[in-house]
Every structure is written in structure tokens, then in C-alpha cells.
Amino acid sequence: MKESFVLCSSCFSNQGLKISAQKLGTKSNTSCKGCNESKGYKLTKNILNDLAHQFFVMGSSIKSDYGGAPRIQFNEHQETSIICTDDINQDIKLFEKYLGVGFFHYGPRLWTLGYITPLEELQDENKRMYIIKRIINEYPIFELNSSKVFYRLRVEPSEPSNIGEYDSSPFPGKGRLDSKDFKVFYASQDLEVCIHECRVSVTDELYVATVRPAKSLKMLDLSTSISEQCTEFESLNISLMMLFYAGKHSYEILRLLSLEAYEKGFDGIIFPSFFTQARLGKLPLPSIYQSLDNRIDEFREIEISGKIPNIAIFGQPIEDKRVEVVSINKLVLNRVVYDYFFGPADVN
């Protein structure tokens, strides 16, 4: 039986909810049972539930130094105890009436905010090297061979056709894995992620080199997950994921990891992209919905699909002839598309 419409986008007072309802709803000229408007995008009860989750749960997410979690949850067992702006408070009554739910402040599990033993030890100067050595010993080796093509993007190089322009930066110490006197060649298997990582704009002159290994490279693969028999509070997988998704405060730890991998004979590291979440539309944070129980296939699939590997090769691999430039092209950005949703501006 086809589910009937209960509300439409015109029923809402808050502009963010209106737009979100338009994006999720169905275009129909039938009169709305809630407001009698015919132009609004119609919502079934299931779509209304999706709207509530997107706006109040995902839209209220906050980021901590590592990880993050929503501030709001809702269910049919609790009455509404949050206070938002007047227009949202008015709209909440519609959700209460048609879904039979209440909205309340959510107390997340602390692991989602980065309270994970390996991650905490990585932040402790006296304990971090033990965890770094664990990572290097427990994560798999990936042989990067000439069948793997990837991309290196440059913004306004002085000599675009010169292959040397696409080698590691001559001024190391600004990226996640490079440090002073330790150069790292960053590239990506996904050109769109490469564009995001370089923070380019449509006014930039962009050039991209297609590169591949000239010989097999021994890479530490941190884009995958290891099998773990532990809780989220002890998980090395989550610790590493949060470390790579964090801001510049994580660079000191990642640079030590990079140097240690180099000392252990690795040619480089394969790692998850900082912009993976945006690229795959899995905002706000994987930690909100991701299970680290690697024995359950469906969660493992989510975990793996949430990462697009980036490549970091130590040193200057073009100069050292460890990678070869296959071709060089000018890159023109023809269209930029943003996908977005809304949330409440203030919650009390």
C-alpha cells in the first residue's frame, strides 16, 4: 500500500527545514493535509523521519579534537526537552504530532569524542612510540606496482611541462606526513580528492601529472582495517581513522609515524583522505554510525567504503626514478557542485 503524505515543505517556519524538506520530498500538486498548500513538496511519515534525523541529529553534530557526535537525538520514549530558535520550536511541534517523538540532548559514548586508549596514548609523548610501532607492525604491507596509476596536482607551476615541477615540495614541513628536512610526495588515486586536498579555486591555473611506480614500492597501508577483538574504547582502527580526520594538531603525531615507517624500510604510506567524508557524502562523521566489530560484514563494508586512499611516497621519487610521469595535462574546473543540509543554529 502506497504511503500517504502527511506534511509538505510549506508547513515549516524555519527556512533550513523548508529547503531540506524540498530536497527530500516529492513534488505533487495535491493539497497538503497539514497546511492546505498545493505547491509544497510532500512528505510521507518515513520521509519526515528522515528529515528529523538529518536536521536535528546530523545537523547538530559537533567536532572534538578527535571524532565528534550529535548534540540531539529523538525517539518515541522521551518528551522534547531542547529549546531552539522560535521558528524551529514551532516546527518541532509538527514532528511531535506526526511522528510521536520527542527531541532531547544526546550524551554520546565517549569513544566517539576520541576517548580511546591508543589515541590517548598517541597524544602522550612518553607513550606514543609504542603505539606507532604497533601501527607499523600490525597494518598490512601493500606493494604499489606499475599497474597503479595516480595523480599529482600543481597550482600555477612555473614550468608546467617540466616533470620536476611535480616532485615533492622543496619546502617540507607543512603537510601531514612531511617534516623539516623530510620530503614527502603526495598523490591520489582519485583526481577529485586530489583537487579537494590542494584547496584549489576556479581561478587557479591547474596542472596534473599522471604518474605510476617505475618499480614496486613497499607501502604501509593505513587505508584499510585490521581485525580487532576489542571494544571501540580500545580500537586501533578508530584511533587511526580519527587521527587522519583531525586538523593540524594531529600533524606532530603523524609526522613521527611517517618518519618511523621510513626508518623501518617503507617507501611510503597509503592513507585515508582528509576529504573522504565530503567526497562520499558521509558527513558529518563516520564515528557516529560506524561499528568497529570487524566480524560483521555489513559494518566492515561501510568502514572500507568510507575511505579513498591517498598516497605518500617518501623523498623525491621522480628525481630518484622510483615513479615515472606518464603524462601532464592542464586541468580546467568546469563546474563545482555542493551538497549540503541544515541544522539548528542554537540548542539549549
Protein backbone atom coordinates (compact mmCIF):
# COMPACT_ATOMS: atom_id res chain seq x y z
CA MET A 1 0.00 0.00 0.00
CA LYS A 2 1.35 3.40 -1.00
CA GLU A 3 2.25 5.59 1.96
CA SER A 4 0.19 8.78 2.16
CA PHE A 5 1.56 12.29 2.52
CA VAL A 6 1.27 13.87 5.96
CA LEU A 7 3.04 17.24 5.58
CA CYS A 8 4.78 19.38 2.97
CA SER A 9 7.72 21.77 2.82
CA SER A 10 5.38 24.77 3.16
CA CYS A 11 4.31 23.59 6.61
CA PHE A 12 7.62 24.59 8.17
CA SER A 13 8.61 28.00 9.50
CA ASN A 14 12.38 27.60 9.55
CA GLN A 15 13.99 28.23 6.16
CA GLY A 16 16.56 25.46 6.57
CA LEU A 17 13.82 22.93 7.28
CA LYS A 18 11.83 24.22 4.30
CA ILE A 19 14.76 23.73 1.91
CA SER A 20 15.65 20.32 3.37
CA ALA A 21 12.03 19.22 3.04
CA GLN A 22 12.03 20.33 -0.60
CA LYS A 23 15.16 18.26 -1.26
CA LEU A 24 13.77 15.14 0.42
CA GLY A 25 10.10 15.50 -0.52
CA THR A 26 8.03 14.63 -3.58
CA LYS A 27 6.76 17.25 -5.98
CA SER A 28 2.97 16.99 -6.11
CA ASN A 29 0.13 19.41 -6.81
CA THR A 30 -2.18 17.75 -4.31
CA SER A 31 -3.30 19.84 -1.36
CA CYS A 32 -1.34 19.27 1.83
CA LYS A 33 -3.31 17.87 4.77
CA GLY A 34 -1.26 20.00 7.14
CA CYS A 35 -1.42 23.47 5.58
CA ASN A 36 -3.71 23.07 2.52
CA GLU A 37 -0.93 24.37 0.24
CA SER A 38 -0.56 22.63 -3.12
CA LYS A 39 2.88 23.94 -4.13
CA GLY A 40 4.91 22.43 -1.30
CA TYR A 41 6.98 19.26 -1.67
CA LYS A 42 5.07 16.45 0.02
CA LEU A 43 6.41 14.30 2.85
CA THR A 44 5.37 10.83 3.94
CA LYS A 45 5.88 9.76 7.55
CA ASN A 46 9.07 7.92 6.62
CA ILE A 47 10.48 10.94 4.80
CA LEU A 48 9.51 13.14 7.75
CA ASN A 49 11.51 10.81 9.99
CA ASP A 50 14.49 11.11 7.62
CA LEU A 51 14.15 14.89 7.73
CA ALA A 52 14.15 14.86 11.54
CA HIS A 53 17.31 12.74 11.61
CA GLN A 54 19.12 14.85 9.02
CA PHE A 55 18.22 18.22 10.55
CA PHE A 56 18.30 17.54 14.29
CA VAL A 57 20.78 14.66 14.63
CA MET A 58 23.27 15.11 11.80
CA GLY A 59 22.72 18.86 11.74
CA SER A 60 23.59 19.24 15.42
CA SER A 61 26.88 17.35 15.20
CA ILE A 62 29.91 18.91 16.82
CA LYS A 63 33.55 18.04 16.24
CA SER A 64 36.02 17.49 19.03
CA ASP A 65 39.80 17.40 18.57
CA TYR A 66 39.32 13.79 17.56
CA GLY A 67 35.95 12.44 16.49
CA GLY A 68 32.58 14.04 17.05
CA ALA A 69 28.95 13.36 17.88
CA PRO A 70 25.45 14.84 17.55
CA ARG A 71 24.03 17.04 20.31
CA ILE A 72 20.43 16.00 19.68
CA GLN A 73 18.57 12.70 19.40
CA PHE A 74 14.89 11.83 19.23
CA ASN A 75 12.67 8.85 19.89
CA GLU A 76 9.12 7.95 20.84
CA HIS A 77 10.00 7.35 24.50
CA GLN A 78 11.01 10.84 25.60
CA GLU A 79 9.33 14.22 25.55
CA THR A 80 11.01 17.21 23.95
CA SER A 81 13.43 18.93 26.33
CA ILE A 82 15.52 21.05 23.95
CA ILE A 83 14.97 24.73 23.19
CA CYS A 84 15.95 26.14 19.80
CA THR A 85 15.03 29.35 17.99
CA ASP A 86 11.33 30.27 17.94
CA ASP A 87 10.72 29.12 14.37
CA ILE A 88 12.33 25.72 15.00
CA ASN A 89 10.46 25.33 18.28
CA GLN A 90 7.26 25.82 16.31
CA ASP A 91 8.34 23.25 13.71
CA ILE A 92 9.25 20.72 16.41
CA LYS A 93 5.56 20.53 17.27
CA LEU A 94 4.87 19.16 13.78
CA PHE A 95 7.38 16.35 14.29
CA GLU A 96 5.90 15.63 17.71
CA LYS A 97 2.39 15.45 16.27
CA TYR A 98 3.03 13.38 13.15
CA LEU A 99 5.90 11.17 14.35
CA GLY A 100 5.01 10.89 18.02
CA VAL A 101 8.59 11.65 19.09
CA GLY A 102 10.43 13.96 21.44
CA PHE A 103 13.79 15.69 20.96
CA PHE A 104 16.41 15.69 23.71
CA HIS A 105 20.08 16.36 24.45
CA TYR A 106 22.20 13.36 23.49
CA GLY A 107 25.01 12.07 25.68
CA PRO A 108 27.32 10.23 23.25
CA ARG A 109 29.58 7.33 24.10
CA LEU A 110 32.93 8.86 24.94
CA TRP A 111 34.83 6.89 22.30
CA THR A 112 33.06 8.94 19.62
CA LEU A 113 34.78 12.02 21.09
CA GLY A 114 38.23 10.48 20.92
CA TYR A 115 38.47 8.87 24.34
CA ILE A 116 40.13 5.73 23.00
CA THR A 117 43.16 4.28 24.75
CA PRO A 118 45.54 4.03 21.74
CA LEU A 119 44.56 7.53 20.59
CA GLU A 120 45.12 8.98 24.06
CA GLU A 121 48.50 7.26 24.25
CA LEU A 122 49.46 8.71 20.87
CA GLN A 123 48.93 12.16 22.40
CA ASP A 124 51.23 11.28 25.31
CA GLU A 125 54.88 11.95 24.41
CA ASN A 126 56.02 9.19 26.76
CA LYS A 127 53.72 6.52 25.29
CA ARG A 128 53.22 7.38 21.62
CA MET A 129 56.18 5.48 20.16
CA TYR A 130 54.81 2.18 21.45
CA ILE A 131 51.53 2.75 19.59
CA ILE A 132 53.35 3.98 16.47
CA LYS A 133 55.38 0.76 16.42
CA ARG A 134 52.16 -1.22 16.88
CA ILE A 135 50.65 0.50 13.86
CA ILE A 136 53.69 -0.25 11.69
CA ASN A 137 53.79 -3.89 12.82
CA GLU A 138 50.06 -4.63 12.66
CA TYR A 139 48.88 -2.89 9.48
CA PRO A 140 49.47 -4.63 6.14
CA ILE A 141 52.11 -4.02 3.51
CA PHE A 142 50.84 -3.02 0.07
CA GLU A 143 53.06 -3.44 -2.98
CA LEU A 144 52.45 -0.42 -5.21
CA ASN A 145 53.40 -1.52 -8.73
CA SER A 146 53.32 -0.04 -12.22
CA SER A 147 49.68 -1.10 -12.74
CA LYS A 148 48.59 1.57 -10.24
CA VAL A 149 48.11 4.99 -11.81
CA PHE A 150 47.66 8.05 -9.61
CA TYR A 151 47.69 11.83 -9.86
CA ARG A 152 49.80 14.72 -8.64
CA LEU A 153 48.24 18.21 -8.87
CA ARG A 154 50.12 21.50 -9.01
CA VAL A 155 48.78 25.05 -8.75
CA GLU A 156 50.47 27.52 -11.10
CA PRO A 157 53.81 25.73 -11.60
CA SER A 158 56.48 27.93 -13.19
CA GLU A 159 57.22 25.33 -15.90
CA PRO A 160 54.10 23.16 -16.33
CA SER A 161 55.73 20.73 -18.79
CA ASN A 162 58.79 20.12 -16.59
CA ILE A 163 58.36 16.81 -14.76
CA GLY A 164 60.50 18.11 -11.90
CA GLU A 165 57.69 20.52 -11.03
CA TYR A 166 55.61 17.55 -9.88
CA ASP A 167 58.12 16.08 -7.44
CA SER A 168 57.93 16.58 -3.67
CA SER A 169 57.75 20.15 -2.40
CA PRO A 170 61.20 21.71 -1.88
CA PHE A 171 59.83 23.29 1.30
CA PRO A 172 58.76 20.38 3.54
CA GLY A 173 57.17 20.67 6.95
CA LYS A 174 53.70 21.96 6.06
CA GLY A 175 51.82 18.73 5.37
CA ARG A 176 50.53 15.85 7.45
CA LEU A 177 53.39 13.46 6.90
CA ASP A 178 56.35 15.61 5.85
CA SER A 179 58.58 17.43 8.30
CA LYS A 180 61.62 19.69 8.19
CA ASP A 181 64.33 18.00 6.09
CA PHE A 182 61.96 15.10 5.31
CA LYS A 183 60.21 15.45 1.96
CA VAL A 184 57.06 13.56 1.04
CA PHE A 185 55.45 13.17 -2.39
CA TYR A 186 51.66 13.35 -2.06
CA ALA A 187 49.36 11.95 -4.73
CA SER A 188 45.89 10.46 -5.01
CA GLN A 189 44.21 7.63 -6.86
CA ASP A 190 41.10 9.79 -7.12
CA LEU A 191 41.52 13.02 -9.05
CA GLU A 192 38.55 14.73 -7.36
CA VAL A 193 40.00 14.05 -3.93
CA CYS A 194 43.33 15.35 -5.22
CA ILE A 195 41.58 18.60 -6.20
CA HIS A 196 39.99 18.88 -2.75
CA GLU A 197 43.26 18.17 -0.93
CA CYS A 198 45.00 21.04 -2.76
CA ARG A 199 42.28 23.54 -1.75
CA VAL A 200 42.08 24.94 -5.27
CA SER A 201 39.72 27.60 -6.60
CA VAL A 202 38.20 28.05 -10.05
CA THR A 203 40.55 30.97 -10.72
CA ASP A 204 43.71 28.88 -10.24
CA GLU A 205 45.88 27.66 -13.11
CA LEU A 206 45.95 23.91 -12.53
CA TYR A 207 48.13 21.19 -13.97
CA VAL A 208 48.02 17.48 -13.23
CA ALA A 209 50.65 14.81 -13.76
CA THR A 210 49.61 11.21 -14.21
CA VAL A 211 52.23 9.07 -12.52
CA ARG A 212 52.94 5.41 -11.80
CA PRO A 213 55.66 3.49 -9.98
CA ALA A 214 58.74 2.68 -12.04
CA LYS A 215 59.35 -0.23 -9.70
CA SER A 216 57.43 -1.95 -6.93
CA LEU A 217 57.15 0.24 -3.83
CA LYS A 218 56.70 -1.13 -0.32
CA MET A 219 53.84 0.85 1.22
CA LEU A 220 52.35 0.79 4.71
CA ASP A 221 48.60 0.55 4.10
CA LEU A 222 46.72 2.61 6.68
CA SER A 223 43.63 2.96 4.49
CA THR A 224 42.37 -0.48 5.46
CA SER A 225 41.36 -2.05 8.78
CA ILE A 226 42.92 -4.80 10.80
CA SER A 227 40.89 -7.47 12.56
CA GLU A 228 40.25 -6.47 16.17
CA GLN A 229 38.67 -8.32 19.07
CA CYS A 230 38.11 -5.35 21.35
CA THR A 231 35.68 -2.59 22.19
CA GLU A 232 35.63 0.79 20.46
CA PHE A 233 37.45 2.21 23.50
CA GLU A 234 40.50 0.06 22.67
CA SER A 235 40.34 0.17 18.88
CA LEU A 236 43.45 0.98 16.90
CA ASN A 237 41.31 1.23 13.75
CA ILE A 238 39.18 4.06 15.11
CA SER A 239 42.20 5.76 16.65
CA LEU A 240 43.95 5.86 13.29
CA MET A 241 40.83 6.98 11.43
CA MET A 242 40.26 9.87 13.85
CA LEU A 243 43.92 10.81 13.67
CA PHE A 244 43.79 11.24 9.90
CA TYR A 245 40.43 13.06 10.04
CA ALA A 246 41.70 15.55 12.63
CA GLY A 247 43.15 19.00 12.00
CA LYS A 248 46.68 20.34 12.23
CA HIS A 249 47.00 19.43 15.90
CA SER A 250 47.43 15.81 14.74
CA TYR A 251 50.37 16.55 12.43
CA GLU A 252 53.07 16.09 15.07
CA ILE A 253 51.93 12.52 15.70
CA LEU A 254 51.51 11.67 12.01
CA ARG A 255 54.95 13.03 11.16
CA LEU A 256 56.53 10.79 13.78
CA LEU A 257 54.61 7.85 12.32
CA SER A 258 55.86 8.76 8.85
CA LEU A 259 59.49 9.01 9.98
CA GLU A 260 59.30 5.69 11.81
CA ALA A 261 57.83 3.97 8.74
CA TYR A 262 60.72 5.36 6.69
CA GLU A 263 63.23 4.06 9.25
CA LYS A 264 61.62 0.62 9.02
CA GLY A 265 62.25 0.46 5.28
CA PHE A 266 58.92 1.53 3.82
CA ASP A 267 58.81 3.58 0.62
CA GLY A 268 55.67 5.37 1.75
CA ILE A 269 52.20 5.24 3.25
CA ILE A 270 48.73 4.74 1.81
CA PHE A 271 46.28 6.67 3.96
CA PRO A 272 42.62 7.81 4.06
CA SER A 273 41.89 11.21 2.59
CA PHE A 274 41.06 14.13 4.86
CA PHE A 275 38.29 14.98 2.40
CA THR A 276 36.93 11.44 2.10
CA GLN A 277 33.79 12.27 4.07
CA ALA A 278 32.88 15.18 1.82
CA ARG A 279 33.79 13.27 -1.34
CA LEU A 280 31.49 10.35 -0.45
CA GLY A 281 28.72 12.40 1.16
CA LYS A 282 29.18 10.66 4.51
CA LEU A 283 29.10 13.76 6.66
CA PRO A 284 29.24 14.64 9.45
CA LEU A 285 31.48 11.87 10.85
CA PRO A 286 31.90 8.14 10.30
CA SER A 287 32.24 7.70 14.06
CA ILE A 288 28.55 8.48 14.50
CA TYR A 289 27.32 5.41 12.65
CA GLN A 290 30.34 3.18 12.19
CA SER A 291 30.74 -0.06 14.07
CA LEU A 292 34.22 -1.41 14.58
CA ASP A 293 33.07 -5.01 15.01
CA ASN A 294 35.06 -6.46 12.13
CA ARG A 295 33.21 -9.76 12.45
CA ILE A 296 30.09 -8.19 10.96
CA ASP A 297 30.45 -7.94 7.20
CA GLU A 298 27.96 -5.12 6.64
CA PHE A 299 29.77 -2.78 9.03
CA ARG A 300 33.14 -3.72 7.59
CA GLU A 301 31.79 -2.78 4.16
CA ILE A 302 30.77 0.65 5.47
CA GLU A 303 34.17 1.06 7.07
CA ILE A 304 36.10 0.22 3.91
CA SER A 305 33.86 2.16 1.52
CA GLY A 306 34.30 5.27 3.66
CA LYS A 307 37.93 5.70 2.63
CA ILE A 308 39.59 6.69 -0.62
CA PRO A 309 43.33 6.03 -0.34
CA ASN A 310 45.86 8.79 -0.74
CA ILE A 311 49.49 8.04 -1.45
CA ALA A 312 52.55 9.47 0.29
CA ILE A 313 55.95 8.41 -1.03
CA PHE A 314 59.00 9.36 1.00
CA GLY A 315 61.74 11.52 -0.52
CA GLN A 316 61.75 12.76 -4.12
CA PRO A 317 60.53 9.76 -6.12
CA ILE A 318 60.53 11.49 -9.53
CA GLU A 319 64.15 12.60 -9.16
CA ASP A 320 65.07 9.17 -7.78
CA LYS A 321 63.23 7.50 -10.69
CA ARG A 322 61.05 5.43 -8.35
CA VAL A 323 57.98 6.85 -10.08
CA GLU A 324 57.59 7.99 -13.66
CA VAL A 325 55.42 10.72 -15.13
CA VAL A 326 53.14 9.21 -17.76
CA SER A 327 51.58 12.47 -18.93
CA ILE A 328 50.99 16.09 -17.95
CA ASN A 329 47.76 17.96 -18.60
CA LYS A 330 46.22 21.30 -17.85
CA LEU A 331 43.18 20.83 -15.63
CA VAL A 332 40.15 23.08 -16.08
CA LEU A 333 37.40 23.15 -13.46
CA ASN A 334 34.18 23.32 -15.43
CA ARG A 335 31.63 23.01 -12.66
CA VAL A 336 31.60 22.98 -8.87
CA VAL A 337 28.73 21.25 -7.09
CA TYR A 338 27.97 21.41 -3.37
CA ASP A 339 25.72 19.04 -1.48
CA TYR A 340 24.53 20.29 1.88
CA PHE A 341 21.93 20.07 4.59
CA PHE A 342 20.91 22.22 7.55
CA GLY A 343 20.76 22.02 11.30
CA PRO A 344 19.67 24.21 14.22
CA ALA A 345 21.87 27.25 14.88
CA ASP A 346 21.36 27.15 18.64
CA VAL A 347 20.32 24.41 21.05
CA ASN A 348 19.60 24.80 24.77
